């Protein structure tokens, strides 16, 4: 009975909202109206943008070959940290036992 009442409340509120008229918004029909074509950016292929971004990144990094030692050292440090975290105890023994017992769900009425 209670769950049916809870279900009816959103249904009734949705029905009331559906009956209200939409507000009149004074929006232009054409968003580009009144602008000259020079102010609208043109579409550019993605490949060209990616190549430009890669060239700018290489220029900012010095243009030479990339240093691979720093990522390898970081990966080694992250793997060591992961190994330490795997060995660490996160949940104490009483809490772990309580969690493993599970939740007793009473029979549905």
N, C-alpha and C. Protein backbone atom coordinates (compact mmCIF):
# COMPACT_ATOMS: atom_id res chain seq x y z
N UNK A 1 0.83 -1.19 0.00
CA UNK A 1 0.00 0.00 0.00
C UNK A 1 0.88 1.26 0.00
N UNK A 2 1.89 1.24 0.88
CA UNK A 2 2.75 2.42 0.98
C UNK A 2 3.58 2.58 -0.29
N UNK A 3 4.08 1.47 -0.84
CA UNK A 3 4.89 1.58 -2.06
C UNK A 3 4.04 2.05 -3.24
N UNK A 4 2.76 1.68 -3.28
CA UNK A 4 1.88 2.15 -4.35
C UNK A 4 1.66 3.65 -4.24
N UNK A 5 1.55 4.14 -3.00
CA UNK A 5 1.38 5.58 -2.79
C UNK A 5 2.64 6.33 -3.21
N UNK A 6 3.80 5.75 -2.89
CA UNK A 6 5.05 6.40 -3.28
C UNK A 6 5.21 6.43 -4.78
N UNK A 7 4.69 5.43 -5.45
CA UNK A 7 4.77 5.38 -6.91
C UNK A 7 3.80 6.38 -7.54
N UNK A 8 2.66 6.59 -6.90
CA UNK A 8 1.66 7.50 -7.47
C UNK A 8 2.10 8.95 -7.39
N UNK A 9 2.89 9.31 -6.40
CA UNK A 9 3.30 10.71 -6.25
C UNK A 9 4.09 11.19 -7.47
N UNK A 10 5.16 10.49 -7.91
CA UNK A 10 5.87 10.98 -9.10
C UNK A 10 5.00 10.94 -10.36
N UNK A 11 4.11 9.95 -10.45
CA UNK A 11 3.25 9.87 -11.63
C UNK A 11 2.33 11.07 -11.68
N UNK A 12 1.73 11.43 -10.55
CA UNK A 12 0.84 12.58 -10.51
C UNK A 12 1.60 13.87 -10.77
N UNK A 13 2.78 14.02 -10.19
CA UNK A 13 3.57 15.23 -10.43
C UNK A 13 3.99 15.32 -11.90
N UNK A 14 4.34 14.18 -12.49
CA UNK A 14 4.68 14.18 -13.91
C UNK A 14 3.49 14.54 -14.77
N UNK A 15 2.30 14.07 -14.39
CA UNK A 15 1.10 14.41 -15.14
C UNK A 15 0.78 15.89 -15.05
N UNK A 16 0.96 16.46 -13.86
CA UNK A 16 0.72 17.90 -13.71
C UNK A 16 1.72 18.70 -14.52
N UNK A 17 2.95 18.27 -14.53
CA UNK A 17 3.97 18.99 -15.30
C UNK A 17 3.70 18.90 -16.79
N UNK A 18 3.13 17.79 -17.24
CA UNK A 18 2.84 17.62 -18.66
C UNK A 18 1.69 18.52 -19.10
N UNK A 19 0.83 18.92 -18.17
CA UNK A 19 -0.32 19.75 -18.52
C UNK A 19 0.01 21.23 -18.58
N UNK A 20 1.14 21.63 -18.08
CA UNK A 20 1.48 23.06 -18.08
C UNK A 20 1.98 23.47 -19.45
N UNK A 21 1.62 24.68 -19.88
CA UNK A 21 2.11 25.14 -21.19
C UNK A 21 3.58 25.50 -21.09
N UNK A 22 4.28 25.34 -22.20
CA UNK A 22 5.69 25.70 -22.25
C UNK A 22 5.84 27.22 -22.24
N UNK A 23 6.84 27.75 -21.58
CA UNK A 23 7.02 29.21 -21.57
C UNK A 23 7.47 29.70 -22.95
N UNK A 24 7.08 30.92 -23.25
CA UNK A 24 7.50 31.53 -24.51
C UNK A 24 8.91 32.07 -24.35
N UNK A 25 9.83 31.50 -25.07
CA UNK A 25 11.21 31.95 -25.03
C UNK A 25 11.50 32.79 -26.26
N UNK A 26 12.07 33.93 -26.04
CA UNK A 26 12.39 34.82 -27.16
C UNK A 26 13.78 34.50 -27.69
N UNK A 27 13.89 33.35 -28.30
CA UNK A 27 15.16 32.94 -28.87
C UNK A 27 15.12 33.15 -30.37
N UNK A 28 16.24 33.53 -30.96
CA UNK A 28 16.25 33.68 -32.42
C UNK A 28 16.12 32.32 -33.09
N UNK A 29 15.41 32.30 -34.20
CA UNK A 29 15.24 31.05 -34.93
C UNK A 29 16.54 30.61 -35.58
N UNK A 30 17.31 31.56 -36.04
CA UNK A 30 18.58 31.25 -36.68
C UNK A 30 19.70 31.79 -35.80
N UNK A 31 20.52 30.92 -35.18
CA UNK A 31 21.56 31.42 -34.27
C UNK A 31 22.65 32.21 -34.98
N UNK A 32 22.73 32.10 -36.29
CA UNK A 32 23.78 32.79 -37.03
C UNK A 32 23.26 34.10 -37.63
N UNK A 33 21.98 34.37 -37.43
CA UNK A 33 21.39 35.57 -38.03
C UNK A 33 22.10 36.81 -37.49
N UNK A 34 22.41 37.71 -38.36
CA UNK A 34 23.05 38.95 -37.97
C UNK A 34 24.56 38.87 -37.91
N UNK A 35 25.15 37.74 -38.17
CA UNK A 35 26.61 37.61 -38.15
C UNK A 35 27.13 37.54 -39.58
N UNK A 36 28.32 38.05 -39.75
CA UNK A 36 28.93 37.89 -41.06
C UNK A 36 29.64 36.53 -41.11
N UNK A 37 29.84 36.01 -42.29
CA UNK A 37 30.39 34.67 -42.44
C UNK A 37 31.85 34.58 -41.99
N UNK A 38 32.53 35.70 -41.84
CA UNK A 38 33.93 35.67 -41.42
C UNK A 38 34.06 35.33 -39.94
N UNK A 39 33.04 35.60 -39.13
CA UNK A 39 33.13 35.34 -37.69
C UNK A 39 32.80 33.90 -37.33
N UNK A 40 32.32 33.12 -38.30
CA UNK A 40 31.97 31.73 -38.04
C UNK A 40 33.17 30.86 -38.38
N UNK A 41 33.67 30.07 -37.41
CA UNK A 41 34.83 29.22 -37.72
C UNK A 41 34.45 28.12 -38.70
N UNK A 42 35.38 27.78 -39.56
CA UNK A 42 35.16 26.73 -40.54
C UNK A 42 35.52 25.36 -39.97
N UNK A 43 35.06 24.33 -40.62
CA UNK A 43 35.37 22.97 -40.20
C UNK A 43 36.74 22.58 -40.75
N UNK A 44 37.54 21.95 -39.89
CA UNK A 44 38.90 21.56 -40.25
C UNK A 44 39.03 20.07 -40.02
N UNK A 45 39.70 19.33 -40.91
CA UNK A 45 39.88 17.90 -40.68
C UNK A 45 40.67 17.64 -39.39
N UNK A 46 40.32 16.59 -38.69
CA UNK A 46 40.93 16.26 -37.40
C UNK A 46 42.39 15.86 -37.56
N UNK A 47 42.74 15.21 -38.65
CA UNK A 47 44.13 14.78 -38.86
C UNK A 47 45.09 15.96 -38.85
N UNK A 48 44.70 17.04 -39.50
CA UNK A 48 45.55 18.23 -39.53
C UNK A 48 45.73 18.83 -38.15
N UNK A 49 44.66 18.86 -37.36
CA UNK A 49 44.76 19.40 -36.00
C UNK A 49 45.65 18.54 -35.12
N UNK A 50 45.53 17.22 -35.26
CA UNK A 50 46.37 16.32 -34.46
C UNK A 50 47.84 16.46 -34.84
N UNK A 51 48.12 16.60 -36.13
CA UNK A 51 49.51 16.78 -36.57
C UNK A 51 50.06 18.10 -36.06
N UNK A 52 49.24 19.16 -36.08
CA UNK A 52 49.66 20.46 -35.58
C UNK A 52 49.94 20.40 -34.08
N UNK A 53 49.08 19.71 -33.33
CA UNK A 53 49.27 19.59 -31.88
C UNK A 53 50.54 18.79 -31.57
N UNK A 54 50.79 17.72 -32.32
CA UNK A 54 52.01 16.93 -32.11
C UNK A 54 53.25 17.75 -32.42
N UNK A 55 53.21 18.55 -33.48
CA UNK A 55 54.35 19.38 -33.84
C UNK A 55 54.61 20.44 -32.77
N UNK A 56 53.54 21.03 -32.22
CA UNK A 56 53.71 22.03 -31.18
C UNK A 56 54.24 21.39 -29.89
N UNK A 57 53.80 20.19 -29.59
CA UNK A 57 54.28 19.48 -28.40
C UNK A 57 55.77 19.15 -28.54
N UNK A 58 56.16 18.69 -29.73
CA UNK A 58 57.58 18.39 -29.96
C UNK A 58 58.43 19.65 -29.88
N UNK A 59 57.92 20.76 -30.40
CA UNK A 59 58.66 22.02 -30.35
C UNK A 59 58.80 22.49 -28.91
N UNK A 60 57.77 22.30 -28.10
CA UNK A 60 57.83 22.72 -26.70
C UNK A 60 58.78 21.83 -25.90
N UNK A 61 58.90 20.56 -26.31
CA UNK A 61 59.78 19.63 -25.60
C UNK A 61 61.22 19.73 -26.07
N UNK A 62 61.51 20.56 -27.01
CA UNK A 62 62.88 20.70 -27.50
C UNK A 62 63.08 20.09 -28.87
N UNK A 63 62.11 19.41 -29.38
CA UNK A 63 62.18 18.88 -30.73
C UNK A 63 63.00 17.64 -30.88
N UNK A 64 63.71 17.21 -29.85
CA UNK A 64 64.54 16.02 -29.96
C UNK A 64 63.76 14.77 -29.62
N UNK A 65 64.48 13.66 -29.58
CA UNK A 65 63.79 12.42 -29.20
C UNK A 65 63.30 12.50 -27.76
N UNK A 66 62.21 11.84 -27.52
CA UNK A 66 61.61 11.90 -26.18
C UNK A 66 62.39 11.04 -25.20
N UNK A 67 62.39 11.51 -23.95
CA UNK A 67 63.07 10.80 -22.88
C UNK A 67 62.18 9.65 -22.42
N UNK A 68 62.69 8.43 -22.53
CA UNK A 68 61.90 7.26 -22.12
C UNK A 68 62.28 6.78 -20.73
N UNK A 69 63.30 7.36 -20.12
CA UNK A 69 63.72 6.91 -18.79
C UNK A 69 62.75 7.35 -17.72
N UNK A 70 62.19 8.56 -17.83
CA UNK A 70 61.28 9.06 -16.81
C UNK A 70 60.01 8.22 -16.74
N UNK A 71 59.34 7.90 -17.85
CA UNK A 71 58.16 7.04 -17.73
C UNK A 71 58.48 5.65 -17.20
N UNK A 72 59.64 5.09 -17.56
CA UNK A 72 60.01 3.76 -17.08
C UNK A 72 60.25 3.79 -15.58
N UNK A 73 60.89 4.86 -15.08
CA UNK A 73 61.13 4.98 -13.64
C UNK A 73 59.81 5.15 -12.89
N UNK A 74 58.91 5.93 -13.47
CA UNK A 74 57.59 6.13 -12.83
C UNK A 74 56.82 4.82 -12.80
N UNK A 75 56.88 4.04 -13.88
CA UNK A 75 56.18 2.76 -13.93
C UNK A 75 56.74 1.81 -12.87
N UNK A 76 58.05 1.80 -12.70
CA UNK A 76 58.67 0.95 -11.68
C UNK A 76 58.21 1.37 -10.29
N UNK A 77 58.17 2.68 -10.03
CA UNK A 77 57.72 3.18 -8.73
C UNK A 77 56.25 2.83 -8.49
N UNK A 78 55.42 2.95 -9.52
CA UNK A 78 54.00 2.62 -9.37
C UNK A 78 53.79 1.13 -9.13
N UNK A 79 54.57 0.29 -9.81
CA UNK A 79 54.47 -1.16 -9.58
C UNK A 79 54.88 -1.52 -8.16
N UNK A 80 55.94 -0.86 -7.64
CA UNK A 80 56.37 -1.12 -6.26
C UNK A 80 55.31 -0.67 -5.28
N UNK A 81 54.68 0.46 -5.54
CA UNK A 81 53.61 0.94 -4.67
C UNK A 81 52.42 -0.01 -4.70
N UNK A 82 52.07 -0.52 -5.87
CA UNK A 82 50.96 -1.47 -6.00
C UNK A 82 51.26 -2.74 -5.22
N UNK A 83 52.50 -3.20 -5.27
CA UNK A 83 52.88 -4.41 -4.51
C UNK A 83 52.74 -4.17 -3.01
N UNK A 84 53.14 -2.97 -2.53
CA UNK A 84 52.99 -2.66 -1.11
C UNK A 84 51.52 -2.60 -0.72
N UNK A 85 50.69 -2.02 -1.58
CA UNK A 85 49.26 -1.91 -1.28
C UNK A 85 48.58 -3.28 -1.26
N UNK A 86 49.04 -4.19 -2.12
CA UNK A 86 48.45 -5.54 -2.13
C UNK A 86 48.72 -6.28 -0.82
N UNK A 87 49.87 -6.00 -0.20
CA UNK A 87 50.24 -6.67 1.04
C UNK A 87 49.60 -6.03 2.27
N UNK A 88 49.17 -4.78 2.16
CA UNK A 88 48.65 -4.04 3.31
C UNK A 88 47.27 -4.58 3.72
N UNK A 89 47.00 -4.50 5.01
CA UNK A 89 45.70 -4.89 5.55
C UNK A 89 44.80 -3.66 5.54
N UNK A 90 43.71 -3.77 4.85
CA UNK A 90 42.80 -2.64 4.72
C UNK A 90 41.67 -2.75 5.74
N UNK A 91 41.16 -3.96 5.93
CA UNK A 91 40.03 -4.18 6.84
C UNK A 91 40.53 -5.04 7.99
N UNK A 92 40.23 -4.59 9.22
CA UNK A 92 40.66 -5.37 10.39
C UNK A 92 39.86 -6.67 10.47
N UNK A 93 40.36 -7.63 11.26
CA UNK A 93 39.78 -8.98 11.31
C UNK A 93 38.32 -9.00 11.75
N UNK A 94 37.90 -8.27 12.80
CA UNK A 94 36.47 -8.30 13.18
C UNK A 94 35.56 -7.76 12.08
N UNK A 95 35.99 -6.69 11.42
CA UNK A 95 35.16 -6.13 10.34
C UNK A 95 35.09 -7.09 9.17
N UNK A 96 36.20 -7.74 8.83
CA UNK A 96 36.20 -8.71 7.73
C UNK A 96 35.26 -9.87 8.04
N UNK A 97 35.27 -10.37 9.29
CA UNK A 97 34.38 -11.47 9.67
C UNK A 97 32.92 -11.06 9.56
N UNK A 98 32.62 -9.83 9.99
CA UNK A 98 31.24 -9.33 9.91
C UNK A 98 30.81 -9.20 8.45
N UNK A 99 31.70 -8.72 7.59
CA UNK A 99 31.36 -8.60 6.17
C UNK A 99 31.16 -9.96 5.51
N UNK A 100 31.97 -10.94 5.90
CA UNK A 100 31.86 -12.26 5.30
C UNK A 100 30.58 -12.98 5.73
N UNK A 101 30.05 -12.63 6.92
CA UNK A 101 28.78 -13.23 7.35
C UNK A 101 27.64 -12.81 6.44
N UNK A 102 27.73 -11.64 5.88
CA UNK A 102 26.70 -11.18 4.96
C UNK A 102 25.57 -10.49 5.69
N UNK A 103 24.53 -10.19 4.95
CA UNK A 103 23.37 -9.50 5.48
C UNK A 103 22.22 -10.46 5.53
N UNK A 104 21.56 -10.54 6.67
CA UNK A 104 20.38 -11.40 6.81
C UNK A 104 19.18 -10.66 6.28
N UNK A 105 18.58 -11.17 5.23
CA UNK A 105 17.40 -10.53 4.64
C UNK A 105 16.17 -11.25 5.16
N UNK A 106 15.29 -10.56 5.86
CA UNK A 106 14.08 -11.23 6.35
C UNK A 106 13.19 -11.60 5.17
N UNK A 107 12.38 -12.62 5.38
CA UNK A 107 11.48 -13.08 4.32
C UNK A 107 10.50 -11.97 3.97
N UNK A 108 10.21 -11.84 2.71
CA UNK A 108 9.26 -10.82 2.28
C UNK A 108 7.86 -11.16 2.77
N UNK A 109 7.14 -10.17 3.13
CA UNK A 109 5.79 -10.40 3.67
C UNK A 109 4.77 -10.44 2.57
